[in-house]
Protein backbone atom coordinates (compact mmCIF):
# COMPACT_ATOMS: atom_id res chain seq x y z
CA MET A 1 93.39 104.59 97.29
CA GLY A 2 94.82 104.39 100.75
CA ASN A 3 97.79 102.45 101.97
CA LEU A 4 96.25 99.18 103.20
CA LEU A 5 97.98 96.65 105.36
CA PRO A 6 96.83 93.00 104.98
CA HIS A 7 95.27 91.60 108.12
CA GLY A 8 93.98 88.07 108.33
CA ASP A 9 92.98 85.60 105.64
CA CYS A 10 89.39 86.72 105.11
CA GLY A 11 90.18 89.82 103.14
CA GLU A 12 90.37 92.19 106.09
CA THR A 13 92.53 95.27 105.77
CA SER A 14 93.27 98.11 108.16
CA VAL A 15 93.85 101.62 106.93
CA GLY A 16 97.16 103.13 107.89
CA VAL A 17 98.24 106.73 107.39
CA GLY A 18 97.45 106.87 103.71
CA PRO A 19 97.14 109.74 101.24
CA CYS A 20 94.31 111.38 103.19
CA LEU A 21 92.41 113.98 101.16
CA ASP A 22 90.86 115.72 104.17
CA LEU A 23 92.76 118.93 103.36
CA PHE A 24 92.07 118.80 99.62
CA GLU A 25 89.44 121.28 98.48
CA PRO A 26 87.83 120.13 95.22
CA ALA A 27 87.44 122.75 92.49
CA SER A 28 84.74 120.86 90.58
CA LEU A 29 81.06 121.49 91.28
CA SER A 30 80.31 117.75 91.23
CA MET A 31 82.80 116.96 93.99
CA GLY A 32 81.83 120.07 95.94
CA ALA A 33 78.32 118.64 96.20
CA VAL A 34 79.70 115.22 97.19
CA GLU A 35 81.87 116.81 99.90
CA ALA A 36 78.81 118.46 101.44
CA VAL A 37 77.02 115.10 101.57
CA ILE A 38 80.09 113.39 103.10
CA ARG A 39 80.16 115.92 105.94
CA GLU A 40 76.46 115.37 106.61
CA LEU A 41 76.75 111.56 106.53
CA ALA A 42 79.64 111.65 109.00
CA GLN A 43 77.29 113.01 111.66
CA THR A 44 74.79 110.17 111.24
CA VAL A 45 74.72 106.37 111.45
CA ILE A 46 72.62 105.96 108.28
CA PRO A 47 73.79 103.04 106.09
CA VAL A 48 75.69 104.36 103.07
CA LEU A 49 76.12 102.72 99.67
CA LEU A 50 78.96 104.24 97.62
CA LEU A 51 78.67 103.73 93.86
CA ALA A 52 81.60 104.47 91.55
CA GLU A 53 84.02 103.09 89.00
CA ASN A 54 87.18 101.30 90.10
CA GLY A 55 89.73 103.69 91.55
CA ALA A 56 87.29 106.59 91.93
CA GLY A 57 87.72 106.79 95.70
CA LYS A 58 84.99 104.69 97.33
CA ARG A 59 87.23 103.31 100.08
CA THR A 60 88.82 106.70 100.76
CA THR A 61 85.35 108.26 100.97
CA ALA A 62 84.28 105.62 103.49
CA TRP A 63 87.40 106.32 105.51
CA ARG A 64 86.76 110.06 105.46
CA ILE A 65 83.19 109.56 106.67
CA HIS A 66 84.67 107.54 109.54
CA ARG A 67 87.37 110.14 110.24
CA MET A 68 84.80 112.93 110.57
CA SER A 69 82.39 110.86 112.70
CA ARG A 70 82.14 110.49 116.47
CA GLN A 71 83.74 107.06 116.04
CA TRP A 72 86.94 108.55 114.57
CA ALA A 73 89.13 107.09 117.37
CA GLN A 74 87.79 103.56 116.82
CA PRO A 75 89.04 101.12 114.14
CA PHE A 76 88.27 101.38 110.44
CA ARG A 77 88.30 98.03 108.64
CA SER A 78 87.97 97.35 104.92
CA LEU A 79 86.70 93.88 103.97
CA VAL A 80 86.91 92.22 100.55
CA CYS A 81 83.43 90.69 100.19
CA SER A 82 84.41 88.01 97.69
CA THR A 83 86.63 86.37 100.34
CA LEU A 84 84.23 86.54 103.30
CA ARG A 85 82.69 83.40 104.77
CA PRO A 86 79.54 83.39 106.94
CA GLU A 87 81.53 82.33 110.01
CA ASP A 88 83.80 85.36 109.59
CA LEU A 89 80.88 87.55 110.53
CA ASP A 90 80.21 85.80 113.85
CA ALA A 91 81.59 87.18 117.10
CA PRO A 92 80.74 86.50 120.76
CA SER A 93 77.92 88.78 121.88
CA GLY A 94 79.08 91.94 123.59
CA THR A 95 82.80 91.34 123.09
CA GLY A 96 83.39 94.01 120.44
CA ARG A 97 85.68 91.56 118.68
CA GLY A 98 85.43 89.99 115.25
CA LEU A 99 84.93 91.66 111.91
CA LEU A 100 81.85 93.53 113.10
CA GLY A 101 83.44 94.96 116.22
CA GLU A 102 83.69 98.63 117.08
CA GLY A 103 84.26 101.44 114.63
CA THR A 104 83.43 101.39 110.93
CA VAL A 105 83.48 98.49 108.48
CA TYR A 106 83.72 99.17 104.76
CA LEU A 107 82.52 96.33 102.52
CA GLN A 108 84.34 96.34 99.17
CA GLU A 109 82.15 95.18 96.26
CA VAL A 110 79.23 94.33 98.51
CA GLY A 111 77.46 92.59 95.62
CA ASP A 112 80.06 89.82 95.84
CA LEU A 113 78.80 88.71 99.26
CA SER A 114 77.28 85.25 99.37
CA LEU A 115 73.56 85.04 100.13
CA GLU A 116 74.33 83.47 103.51
CA CYS A 117 76.66 86.34 104.41
CA GLN A 118 73.96 88.79 103.36
CA LYS A 119 71.48 87.01 105.62
CA ARG A 120 73.79 87.19 108.65
CA LEU A 121 74.55 90.87 108.09
CA LEU A 122 70.85 91.59 107.59
CA HIS A 123 70.08 90.31 111.08
CA ALA A 124 73.15 91.73 112.79
CA PRO A 125 72.73 94.94 114.82
CA GLN A 126 74.48 97.84 113.09
CA GLY A 127 75.68 101.25 114.16
CA PRO A 128 76.69 102.43 117.66
CA THR A 129 74.71 100.84 120.46
CA ALA A 130 74.51 101.42 124.20
CA THR A 131 77.62 99.26 124.64
CA GLY A 132 79.29 100.62 121.52
CA ASN A 133 80.18 97.15 120.32
CA ARG A 134 78.79 97.12 116.78
CA ALA A 135 80.38 98.77 113.78
CA ARG A 136 78.75 101.05 111.29
CA LEU A 137 78.61 99.50 107.80
CA ILE A 138 79.51 101.45 104.69
CA CYS A 139 79.31 99.53 101.42
CA GLY A 140 80.85 100.10 98.01
CA SER A 141 80.05 98.75 94.56
CA THR A 142 81.04 99.31 90.95
CA ARG A 143 77.87 97.53 89.78
CA ASP A 144 74.19 98.40 89.67
CA LEU A 145 72.97 96.34 92.63
CA ALA A 146 69.35 96.74 91.57
CA SER A 147 70.20 94.50 88.62
CA ASP A 148 71.80 92.00 91.02
CA VAL A 149 68.56 91.98 93.04
CA LYS A 150 66.61 91.08 89.90
CA ALA A 151 69.19 88.38 89.10
CA GLY A 152 68.78 86.90 92.58
CA THR A 153 72.41 87.32 93.64
CA VAL A 154 71.57 90.11 96.11
CA ARG A 155 68.69 89.84 98.56
CA GLU A 156 66.15 92.62 98.15
CA ASP A 157 65.81 93.17 101.90
CA PHE A 158 69.61 93.31 102.26
CA TYR A 159 69.85 95.84 99.44
CA TYR A 160 67.35 98.16 101.11
CA ARG A 161 69.11 97.70 104.44
CA ILE A 162 72.50 98.86 103.16
CA SER A 163 71.30 101.64 100.84
CA GLY A 164 69.89 104.16 103.27
CA VAL A 165 71.80 106.75 101.26
CA CYS A 166 73.25 106.00 97.80
CA LEU A 167 76.13 108.32 97.02
CA SER A 168 77.57 108.27 93.48
CA LEU A 169 81.17 109.42 93.09
CA PRO A 170 82.04 110.98 89.72
CA PRO A 171 84.93 109.51 87.71
CA LEU A 172 88.02 111.69 87.32
CA ARG A 173 87.29 112.44 83.66
CA GLN A 174 84.11 114.22 84.81
CA ARG A 175 85.93 116.36 87.37
CA LYS A 176 88.98 117.54 85.47
CA GLU A 177 89.04 120.79 87.43
CA ASP A 178 90.40 118.71 90.33
CA ILE A 179 93.28 117.05 88.45
CA SER A 180 95.87 119.77 89.05
CA GLY A 181 95.18 119.98 92.79
CA LEU A 182 95.10 116.21 93.19
CA LEU A 183 98.35 115.85 91.26
CA ASP A 184 100.08 118.38 93.53
CA HIS A 185 98.69 116.57 96.59
CA PHE A 186 100.06 113.21 95.49
CA LEU A 187 103.42 114.69 94.45
CA ARG A 188 103.85 116.20 97.92
CA LYS A 189 102.82 112.95 99.58
CA TYR A 190 105.29 110.77 97.69
CA ALA A 191 108.07 113.34 97.86
CA GLU A 192 107.70 113.14 101.64
CA ASP A 193 107.43 109.33 101.62
CA PHE A 194 110.57 108.87 99.50
CA HIS A 195 112.49 111.85 100.93
CA ARG A 196 112.70 113.57 97.54
CA GLU A 197 112.13 117.09 96.29
CA VAL A 198 108.63 117.83 95.05
CA PRO A 199 108.91 117.79 91.22
CA ASN A 200 108.40 121.13 89.52
CA LEU A 201 106.42 120.02 86.49
CA SER A 202 106.46 121.72 83.11
CA ASP A 203 103.34 123.17 81.51
CA GLU A 204 103.56 120.42 78.87
CA THR A 205 103.41 117.68 81.51
CA ARG A 206 100.52 119.33 83.32
CA GLU A 207 98.64 119.63 80.04
CA LEU A 208 99.23 115.91 79.39
CA PHE A 209 97.72 115.10 82.79
CA GLN A 210 94.81 117.46 82.15
CA GLN A 211 93.92 116.00 78.75
CA TYR A 212 94.29 112.30 79.61
CA SER A 213 91.03 110.40 80.23
CA TRP A 214 92.23 108.55 83.40
CA PRO A 215 90.34 105.25 83.03
CA GLY A 216 91.86 104.16 86.36
CA ASN A 217 90.62 107.34 88.07
CA LEU A 218 92.28 108.60 91.27
CA ARG A 219 94.28 105.39 91.69
CA GLU A 220 95.87 105.83 88.27
CA LEU A 221 96.62 109.52 88.91
CA GLU A 222 98.23 108.64 92.23
CA ASP A 223 100.38 105.96 90.61
CA ALA A 224 101.47 108.40 87.91
CA ALA A 225 102.51 110.95 90.55
CA LYS A 226 104.49 108.22 92.30
CA VAL A 227 106.31 107.42 89.04
CA LEU A 228 107.27 111.09 88.64
CA VAL A 229 108.68 111.28 92.16
CA VAL A 230 110.49 107.91 92.16
CA LEU A 231 112.13 108.25 88.74
CA GLY A 232 113.19 111.80 89.53
CA ASP A 233 113.44 112.77 85.85
CA GLU A 234 110.29 114.35 84.46
CA LYS A 235 111.22 113.80 80.81
CA VAL A 236 112.01 110.12 81.28
CA ALA A 237 108.97 109.53 83.49
CA ILE A 238 106.54 111.23 81.12
CA THR A 239 107.99 109.37 78.11
CA GLY A 240 107.30 106.11 79.92
CA LEU A 241 103.84 107.21 80.99
CA ARG A 242 102.98 108.26 77.45
CA ALA A 243 104.01 104.82 76.24
CA LEU A 244 101.79 103.12 78.83
CA GLN A 245 98.84 105.40 78.19
CA ALA A 246 99.09 104.56 74.49
CA LYS A 247 98.97 100.85 75.38
CA PRO A 248 96.21 100.25 77.97
CA GLU A 249 97.13 96.56 78.17
CA ALA A 250 100.44 97.59 79.78
CA ALA A 251 98.59 98.96 82.78
CA SER A 252 97.41 96.79 85.66
CA GLY A 253 94.02 95.11 85.54
CA ASN A 254 92.28 97.83 87.57
CA GLY A 255 93.36 100.59 85.19
CA SER A 256 96.14 101.91 87.41
CA ILE A 257 99.69 102.45 86.26
CA SER A 258 102.25 99.89 87.38
CA LEU A 259 105.35 101.65 88.70
CA LYS A 260 107.52 98.78 87.46
CA ALA A 261 105.94 98.89 83.99
CA ALA A 262 106.27 102.67 83.81
CA ALA A 263 109.92 102.51 84.84
CA LYS A 264 110.59 99.87 82.15
CA ALA A 265 108.76 101.90 79.53
CA ALA A 266 110.68 105.02 80.52
CA SER A 267 113.96 103.11 80.42
CA ARG A 268 113.24 101.76 76.94
CA GLU A 269 112.34 105.20 75.61
CA ALA A 270 115.41 106.78 77.21
CA GLU A 271 117.63 104.04 75.73
CA LYS A 272 116.09 104.56 72.28
CA GLU A 273 116.70 108.30 72.53
CA LEU A 274 120.33 107.76 73.59
CA ILE A 275 121.02 105.28 70.76
CA LEU A 276 119.59 107.56 68.08
CA LYS A 277 121.41 110.58 69.53
CA THR A 278 124.71 108.67 69.52
CA LEU A 279 124.16 107.49 65.95
CA SER A 280 123.57 111.07 64.94
CA GLN A 281 126.77 112.19 66.66
CA THR A 282 128.76 109.45 64.88
CA ARG A 283 127.15 110.37 61.55
CA TRP A 284 125.18 107.14 61.60
CA ASN A 285 128.21 104.87 61.80
CA ARG A 286 126.95 101.94 63.83
CA ARG A 287 130.38 100.56 64.76
CA ARG A 288 131.52 103.91 66.12
CA ALA A 289 128.19 104.30 67.91
CA ALA A 290 128.62 100.89 69.58
CA VAL A 291 132.05 101.97 70.86
CA ALA A 292 130.64 105.25 72.16
CA LEU A 293 127.80 103.40 73.88
CA GLN A 294 130.26 100.86 75.34
CA ILE A 295 128.37 97.88 73.98
CA SER A 296 129.24 95.32 71.32
CA TYR A 297 128.35 95.89 67.69
CA LYS A 298 126.11 92.81 67.82
CA ALA A 299 124.30 94.19 70.89
CA LEU A 300 123.69 97.49 69.12
CA LEU A 301 122.23 95.70 66.10
CA TYR A 302 119.91 93.74 68.42
CA LYS A 303 118.78 96.94 70.20
CA LEU A 304 118.18 98.67 66.86
CA LYS A 305 115.99 95.75 65.85
CA GLN A 306 114.08 95.99 69.17
CA ILE A 307 113.28 99.63 68.57
CA ARG A 308 112.53 98.94 64.90
CA CYS A 309 115.42 101.09 63.68
CA GLU A 310 117.56 98.29 62.20
CA GLY A 311 117.85 100.20 58.93
CA TYR A 312 119.44 103.21 60.61
CA GLY A 313 123.17 103.80 60.05
CA ALA A 314 125.88 101.91 58.24
CA SER A 315 128.62 99.58 59.39
């Protein structure tokens, strides 16, 4: 969920000043319990395995554990396990450099690590040491790693090493009490980022957000808030979002809402509304409507066909 800046060719990313949720107080009982565990884990060096659906906040949770720990001033690095090579995990002894240097390392989709990478991590010292030159590992997964152990793609000893505490994060559809507060948080964040006013949303829009199932979880909600701020017109933005939500294939592969796709959907819906409104004003005379819209008659016929309204009006 955070703003991540690419760093290196082995999938390493460094967290910048992203949409930190440190000040967000969850209203749901499920997240209240998770918050209590996060605060406890931050004061330890116990290995943590975060389990959740895509977009549910695993990386942000890892970052927050780091932020509340004694290592808060040291680096936080997020590594994409599918791109890691065994040699990426090597660093000169005592230098504090390399991917397992100081601070905290979050391993995204830890089940994607090769067996050789698992072996090297298994034998690498973890957590703060006397010289402070080894990072704490926090791992994340959307899969049941116990099944991967049975399949032989995850070493059993590695699994037990990284799962000192298994923390499951609930999907957004199971914590709907938090949607309103999270939406306001993201609206304020992107209003500040884009130097815009914070949108004052209607009850209808808030109800739409409350009732939607959010298959992309927090990431999808954040993207939707960004669309509202960037487009600056609640009616147009929500029309586009409704169109995308009705067509899951229009969203990105991880379930989040593409700003570009939402803007296009909103533009199409706004254009359709304008065309039909103009036709109504011209008493459904398509030639007069084309003049009013400042487009050619042929272009209007094409647009009517696109929106499946070719039978509307008369020449």
